[in-house]
């Protein structure tokens, strides 16, 4: 899956949660999450995207890009 970093960041900020909170909720490294939000991770495993989507309470297709 290709994560849509700007959308992930916008949802996280709208919910007023930090990267540290997202790290705690997903079990993913904060640096990895930061790179994902900045668009530096072009391809991510389904499980990682699903963890982020679950933590942000959105369907996975909301935070992924069509290719």
PDB file of N, CA and C in Angstrom:
ATOM      1  N   UNK A   1       0.838  -1.189   0.000  1.00  0.00           N
ATOM      2  CA  UNK A   1       0.000   0.000   0.000  1.00  0.00           C
ATOM      3  C   UNK A   1       0.875   1.241   0.000  1.00  0.00           C
ATOM      4  N   UNK A   2       0.377   2.260  -0.665  1.00  0.00           N
ATOM      5  CA  UNK A   2       1.108   3.526  -0.711  1.00  0.00           C
ATOM      6  C   UNK A   2       0.424   4.512   0.247  1.00  0.00           C
ATOM      7  N   UNK A   3       1.069   4.806   1.384  1.00  0.00           N
ATOM      8  CA  UNK A   3       0.444   5.723   2.340  1.00  0.00           C
ATOM      9  C   UNK A   3       0.413   7.156   1.824  1.00  0.00           C
ATOM     10  N   UNK A   4      -0.658   7.863   2.146  1.00  0.00           N
ATOM     11  CA  UNK A   4      -0.802   9.274   1.786  1.00  0.00           C
ATOM     12  C   UNK A   4      -0.415  10.088   3.015  1.00  0.00           C
ATOM     13  N   UNK A   5       0.863  10.416   3.100  1.00  0.00           N
ATOM     14  CA  UNK A   5       1.415  11.092   4.266  1.00  0.00           C
ATOM     15  C   UNK A   5       0.718  12.370   4.675  1.00  0.00           C
ATOM     16  N   UNK A   6       0.481  13.300   3.742  1.00  0.00           N
ATOM     17  CA  UNK A   6      -0.185  14.542   4.132  1.00  0.00           C
ATOM     18  C   UNK A   6      -1.580  14.315   4.722  1.00  0.00           C
ATOM     19  N   UNK A   7      -2.285  13.313   4.231  1.00  0.00           N
ATOM     20  CA  UNK A   7      -3.610  13.003   4.782  1.00  0.00           C
ATOM     21  C   UNK A   7      -3.479  12.440   6.194  1.00  0.00           C
ATOM     22  N   UNK A   8      -2.500  11.559   6.384  1.00  0.00           N
ATOM     23  CA  UNK A   8      -2.271  10.993   7.716  1.00  0.00           C
ATOM     24  C   UNK A   8      -1.958  12.112   8.705  1.00  0.00           C
ATOM     25  N   UNK A   9      -1.059  13.016   8.316  1.00  0.00           N
ATOM     26  CA  UNK A   9      -0.696  14.123   9.199  1.00  0.00           C
ATOM     27  C   UNK A   9      -1.901  15.021   9.482  1.00  0.00           C
ATOM     28  N   UNK A  10      -2.691  15.319   8.468  1.00  0.00           N
ATOM     29  CA  UNK A  10      -3.862  16.192   8.651  1.00  0.00           C
ATOM     30  C   UNK A  10      -4.868  15.564   9.619  1.00  0.00           C
ATOM     31  N   UNK A  11      -5.103  14.282   9.473  1.00  0.00           N
ATOM     32  CA  UNK A  11      -6.042  13.604  10.378  1.00  0.00           C
ATOM     33  C   UNK A  11      -5.482  13.588  11.798  1.00  0.00           C
ATOM     34  N   UNK A  12      -4.198  13.287  11.927  1.00  0.00           N
ATOM     35  CA  UNK A  12      -3.574  13.253  13.257  1.00  0.00           C
ATOM     36  C   UNK A  12      -3.649  14.618  13.930  1.00  0.00           C
ATOM     37  N   UNK A  13      -3.331  15.654  13.178  1.00  0.00           N
ATOM     38  CA  UNK A  13      -3.364  17.008  13.754  1.00  0.00           C
ATOM     39  C   UNK A  13      -4.793  17.441  14.073  1.00  0.00           C
ATOM     40  N   UNK A  14      -5.750  17.082  13.220  1.00  0.00           N
ATOM     41  CA  UNK A  14      -7.153  17.418  13.478  1.00  0.00           C
ATOM     42  C   UNK A  14      -7.643  16.756  14.760  1.00  0.00           C
ATOM     43  N   UNK A  15      -7.108  15.597  15.056  1.00  0.00           N
ATOM     44  CA  UNK A  15      -7.497  14.878  16.277  1.00  0.00           C
ATOM     45  C   UNK A  15      -6.655  15.310  17.468  1.00  0.00           C
ATOM     46  N   UNK A  16      -5.702  16.201  17.206  1.00  0.00           N
ATOM     47  CA  UNK A  16      -4.831  16.759  18.247  1.00  0.00           C
ATOM     48  C   UNK A  16      -4.073  15.683  19.011  1.00  0.00           C
ATOM     49  N   UNK A  17      -3.480  14.765  18.237  1.00  0.00           N
ATOM     50  CA  UNK A  17      -2.640  13.733  18.842  1.00  0.00           C
ATOM     51  C   UNK A  17      -1.225  13.852  18.286  1.00  0.00           C
ATOM     52  N   UNK A  18      -0.270  13.458  19.083  1.00  0.00           N
ATOM     53  CA  UNK A  18       1.140  13.582  18.713  1.00  0.00           C
ATOM     54  C   UNK A  18       1.632  12.324  18.004  1.00  0.00           C
ATOM     55  N   UNK A  19       2.806  12.463  17.406  1.00  0.00           N
ATOM     56  CA  UNK A  19       3.456  11.289  16.811  1.00  0.00           C
ATOM     57  C   UNK A  19       3.777  10.268  17.898  1.00  0.00           C
ATOM     58  N   UNK A  20       4.118  10.746  19.082  1.00  0.00           N
ATOM     59  CA  UNK A  20       4.412   9.832  20.188  1.00  0.00           C
ATOM     60  C   UNK A  20       3.178   8.997  20.523  1.00  0.00           C
ATOM     61  N   UNK A  21       1.998   9.639  20.552  1.00  0.00           N
ATOM     62  CA  UNK A  21       0.748   8.912  20.798  1.00  0.00           C
ATOM     63  C   UNK A  21       0.516   7.878  19.700  1.00  0.00           C
ATOM     64  N   UNK A  22       0.713   8.300  18.440  1.00  0.00           N
ATOM     65  CA  UNK A  22       0.512   7.383  17.323  1.00  0.00           C
ATOM     66  C   UNK A  22       1.492   6.215  17.406  1.00  0.00           C
ATOM     67  N   UNK A  23       2.710   6.498  17.812  1.00  0.00           N
ATOM     68  CA  UNK A  23       3.697   5.441  18.017  1.00  0.00           C
ATOM     69  C   UNK A  23       3.206   4.452  19.069  1.00  0.00           C
ATOM     70  N   UNK A  24       2.719   4.966  20.189  1.00  0.00           N
ATOM     71  CA  UNK A  24       2.232   4.094  21.260  1.00  0.00           C
ATOM     72  C   UNK A  24       1.036   3.258  20.820  1.00  0.00           C
ATOM     73  N   UNK A  25       0.155   3.846  20.035  1.00  0.00           N
ATOM     74  CA  UNK A  25      -1.051   3.146  19.581  1.00  0.00           C
ATOM     75  C   UNK A  25      -0.769   2.093  18.512  1.00  0.00           C
ATOM     76  N   UNK A  26       0.210   2.366  17.661  1.00  0.00           N
ATOM     77  CA  UNK A  26       0.469   1.466  16.529  1.00  0.00           C
ATOM     78  C   UNK A  26       1.606   0.478  16.781  1.00  0.00           C
ATOM     79  N   UNK A  27       2.497   0.828  17.692  1.00  0.00           N
ATOM     80  CA  UNK A  27       3.684   0.006  17.895  1.00  0.00           C
ATOM     81  C   UNK A  27       4.745   0.242  16.836  1.00  0.00           C
ATOM     82  N   UNK A  28       4.522   1.244  15.974  1.00  0.00           N
ATOM     83  CA  UNK A  28       5.492   1.580  14.924  1.00  0.00           C
ATOM     84  C   UNK A  28       6.438   2.661  15.432  1.00  0.00           C
ATOM     85  N   UNK A  29       7.656   2.657  14.943  1.00  0.00           N
ATOM     86  CA  UNK A  29       8.660   3.632  15.328  1.00  0.00           C
ATOM     87  C   UNK A  29       8.234   5.044  14.931  1.00  0.00           C
ATOM     88  N   UNK A  30       8.459   5.992  15.835  1.00  0.00           N
ATOM     89  CA  UNK A  30       8.071   7.386  15.579  1.00  0.00           C
ATOM     90  C   UNK A  30       8.782   7.957  14.357  1.00  0.00           C
ATOM     91  N   UNK A  31      10.040   7.599  14.161  1.00  0.00           N
ATOM     92  CA  UNK A  31      10.778   8.045  12.977  1.00  0.00           C
ATOM     93  C   UNK A  31      10.144   7.517  11.698  1.00  0.00           C
ATOM     94  N   UNK A  32       9.731   6.266  11.727  1.00  0.00           N
ATOM     95  CA  UNK A  32       9.058   5.661  10.581  1.00  0.00           C
ATOM     96  C   UNK A  32       7.762   6.409  10.292  1.00  0.00           C
ATOM     97  N   UNK A  33       6.990   6.691  11.335  1.00  0.00           N
ATOM     98  CA  UNK A  33       5.727   7.423  11.166  1.00  0.00           C
ATOM     99  C   UNK A  33       5.972   8.821  10.610  1.00  0.00           C
ATOM    100  N   UNK A  34       7.019   9.474  11.086  1.00  0.00           N
ATOM    101  CA  UNK A  34       7.358  10.808  10.601  1.00  0.00           C
ATOM    102  C   UNK A  34       7.717  10.763   9.117  1.00  0.00           C
ATOM    103  N   UNK A  35       8.522   9.779   8.733  1.00  0.00           N
ATOM    104  CA  UNK A  35       8.889   9.636   7.320  1.00  0.00           C
ATOM    105  C   UNK A  35       7.659   9.312   6.475  1.00  0.00           C
ATOM    106  N   UNK A  36       6.753   8.526   7.034  1.00  0.00           N
ATOM    107  CA  UNK A  36       5.516   8.199   6.325  1.00  0.00           C
ATOM    108  C   UNK A  36       4.709   9.475   6.077  1.00  0.00           C
ATOM    109  N   UNK A  37       4.570  10.303   7.103  1.00  0.00           N
ATOM    110  CA  UNK A  37       3.805  11.551   6.969  1.00  0.00           C
ATOM    111  C   UNK A  37       4.440  12.516   5.970  1.00  0.00           C
ATOM    112  N   UNK A  38       5.749  12.510   5.890  1.00  0.00           N
ATOM    113  CA  UNK A  38       6.452  13.418   4.976  1.00  0.00           C
ATOM    114  C   UNK A  38       6.538  12.873   3.559  1.00  0.00           C
ATOM    115  N   UNK A  39       5.977  11.696   3.331  1.00  0.00           N
ATOM    116  CA  UNK A  39       5.964  11.129   1.993  1.00  0.00           C
ATOM    117  C   UNK A  39       7.254  10.457   1.591  1.00  0.00           C
ATOM    118  N   UNK A  40       8.119  10.196   2.557  1.00  0.00           N
ATOM    119  CA  UNK A  40       9.399   9.562   2.247  1.00  0.00           C
ATOM    120  C   UNK A  40       9.281   8.049   2.149  1.00  0.00           C
ATOM    121  N   UNK A  41       8.182   7.506   2.617  1.00  0.00           N
ATOM    122  CA  UNK A  41       7.940   6.071   2.501  1.00  0.00           C
ATOM    123  C   UNK A  41       6.904   5.891   1.400  1.00  0.00           C
ATOM    124  N   UNK A  42       7.361   5.405   0.270  1.00  0.00           N
ATOM    125  CA  UNK A  42       6.500   5.274  -0.894  1.00  0.00           C
ATOM    126  C   UNK A  42       5.647   4.017  -0.869  1.00  0.00           C
ATOM    127  N   UNK A  43       6.140   3.000  -0.195  1.00  0.00           N
ATOM    128  CA  UNK A  43       5.425   1.725  -0.144  1.00  0.00           C
ATOM    129  C   UNK A  43       5.519   1.207   1.284  1.00  0.00           C
ATOM    130  N   UNK A  44       4.388   0.842   1.839  1.00  0.00           N
ATOM    131  CA  UNK A  44       4.347   0.345   3.206  1.00  0.00           C
ATOM    132  C   UNK A  44       3.544  -0.943   3.224  1.00  0.00           C
ATOM    133  N   UNK A  45       3.864  -1.797   4.156  1.00  0.00           N
ATOM    134  CA  UNK A  45       3.121  -3.040   4.281  1.00  0.00           C
ATOM    135  C   UNK A  45       1.674  -2.783   4.684  1.00  0.00           C
ATOM    136  N   UNK A  46       0.806  -3.683   4.278  1.00  0.00           N
ATOM    137  CA  UNK A  46      -0.615  -3.544   4.618  1.00  0.00           C
ATOM    138  C   UNK A  46      -0.824  -3.435   6.120  1.00  0.00           C
ATOM    139  N   UNK A  47      -0.065  -4.214   6.876  1.00  0.00           N
ATOM    140  CA  UNK A  47      -0.240  -4.231   8.326  1.00  0.00           C
ATOM    141  C   UNK A  47       0.086  -2.861   8.943  1.00  0.00           C
ATOM    142  N   UNK A  48       1.132  -2.203   8.474  1.00  0.00           N
ATOM    143  CA  UNK A  48       1.494  -0.894   9.011  1.00  0.00           C
ATOM    144  C   UNK A  48       0.402   0.129   8.724  1.00  0.00           C
ATOM    145  N   UNK A  49      -0.092   0.137   7.494  1.00  0.00           N
ATOM    146  CA  UNK A  49      -1.149   1.078   7.115  1.00  0.00           C
ATOM    147  C   UNK A  49      -2.414   0.792   7.936  1.00  0.00           C
ATOM    148  N   UNK A  50      -2.731  -0.469   8.111  1.00  0.00           N
ATOM    149  CA  UNK A  50      -3.920  -0.820   8.885  1.00  0.00           C
ATOM    150  C   UNK A  50      -3.783  -0.401  10.344  1.00  0.00           C
ATOM    151  N   UNK A  51      -2.588  -0.524  10.903  1.00  0.00           N
ATOM    152  CA  UNK A  51      -2.363  -0.082  12.285  1.00  0.00           C
ATOM    153  C   UNK A  51      -2.610   1.416  12.428  1.00  0.00           C
ATOM    154  N   UNK A  52      -2.078   2.193  11.467  1.00  0.00           N
ATOM    155  CA  UNK A  52      -2.269   3.650  11.507  1.00  0.00           C
ATOM    156  C   UNK A  52      -3.749   3.991  11.338  1.00  0.00           C
ATOM    157  N   UNK A  53      -4.401   3.350  10.397  1.00  0.00           N
ATOM    158  CA  UNK A  53      -5.827   3.603  10.163  1.00  0.00           C
ATOM    159  C   UNK A  53      -6.654   3.273  11.401  1.00  0.00           C
ATOM    160  N   UNK A  54      -6.365   2.157  12.033  1.00  0.00           N
ATOM    161  CA  UNK A  54      -7.094   1.762  13.240  1.00  0.00           C
ATOM    162  C   UNK A  54      -6.880   2.781  14.352  1.00  0.00           C
ATOM    163  N   UNK A  55      -5.634   3.205  14.546  1.00  0.00           N
ATOM    164  CA  UNK A  55      -5.333   4.180  15.600  1.00  0.00           C
ATOM    165  C   UNK A  55      -6.050   5.506  15.349  1.00  0.00           C
ATOM    166  N   UNK A  56      -6.138   5.914  14.077  1.00  0.00           N
ATOM    167  CA  UNK A  56      -6.797   7.179  13.738  1.00  0.00           C
ATOM    168  C   UNK A  56      -8.306   7.014  13.531  1.00  0.00           C
ATOM    169  N   UNK A  57      -8.772   5.759  13.614  1.00  0.00           N
ATOM    170  CA  UNK A  57     -10.198   5.448  13.491  1.00  0.00           C
ATOM    171  C   UNK A  57     -10.762   5.842  12.123  1.00  0.00           C
ATOM    172  N   UNK A  58     -10.023   5.469  11.081  1.00  0.00           N
ATOM    173  CA  UNK A  58     -10.471   5.697   9.700  1.00  0.00           C
ATOM    174  C   UNK A  58     -10.252   4.411   8.900  1.00  0.00           C
ATOM    175  N   UNK A  59     -10.999   4.227   7.805  1.00  0.00           N
ATOM    176  CA  UNK A  59     -10.729   3.068   6.946  1.00  0.00           C
ATOM    177  C   UNK A  59      -9.366   3.221   6.266  1.00  0.00           C
ATOM    178  N   UNK A  60      -8.667   2.121   6.023  1.00  0.00           N
ATOM    179  CA  UNK A  60      -7.342   2.204   5.392  1.00  0.00           C
ATOM    180  C   UNK A  60      -7.335   2.940   4.057  1.00  0.00           C
ATOM    181  N   UNK A  61      -8.410   2.837   3.278  1.00  0.00           N
ATOM    182  CA  UNK A  61      -8.401   3.505   1.970  1.00  0.00           C
ATOM    183  C   UNK A  61      -8.396   5.022   2.080  1.00  0.00           C
ATOM    184  N   UNK A  62      -8.745   5.565   3.246  1.00  0.00           N
ATOM    185  CA  UNK A  62      -8.702   7.022   3.454  1.00  0.00           C
ATOM    186  C   UNK A  62      -7.263   7.526   3.500  1.00  0.00           C
ATOM    187  N   UNK A  63      -6.357   6.693   3.988  1.00  0.00           N
ATOM    188  CA  UNK A  63      -4.977   7.142   4.176  1.00  0.00           C
ATOM    189  C   UNK A  63      -4.006   6.509   3.171  1.00  0.00           C
ATOM    190  N   UNK A  64      -4.533   5.979   2.076  1.00  0.00           N
ATOM    191  CA  UNK A  64      -3.673   5.443   1.023  1.00  0.00           C
ATOM    192  C   UNK A  64      -3.942   6.164  -0.287  1.00  0.00           C
ATOM    193  N   UNK A  65      -2.964   6.070  -1.198  1.00  0.00           N
ATOM    194  CA  UNK A  65      -3.085   6.710  -2.507  1.00  0.00           C
ATOM    195  C   UNK A  65      -3.318   5.654  -3.554  1.00  0.00           C
ATOM    196  N   UNK A  66      -4.129   6.005  -4.518  1.00  0.00           N
ATOM    197  CA  UNK A  66      -4.322   5.144  -5.692  1.00  0.00           C
ATOM    198  C   UNK A  66      -3.110   5.262  -6.581  1.00  0.00           C
ATOM    199  N   UNK A  67      -2.750   4.188  -7.238  1.00  0.00           N
ATOM    200  CA  UNK A  67      -1.605   4.248  -8.162  1.00  0.00           C
ATOM    201  C   UNK A  67      -2.066   4.241  -9.578  1.00  0.00           C
TER     202      UNK A  67
END
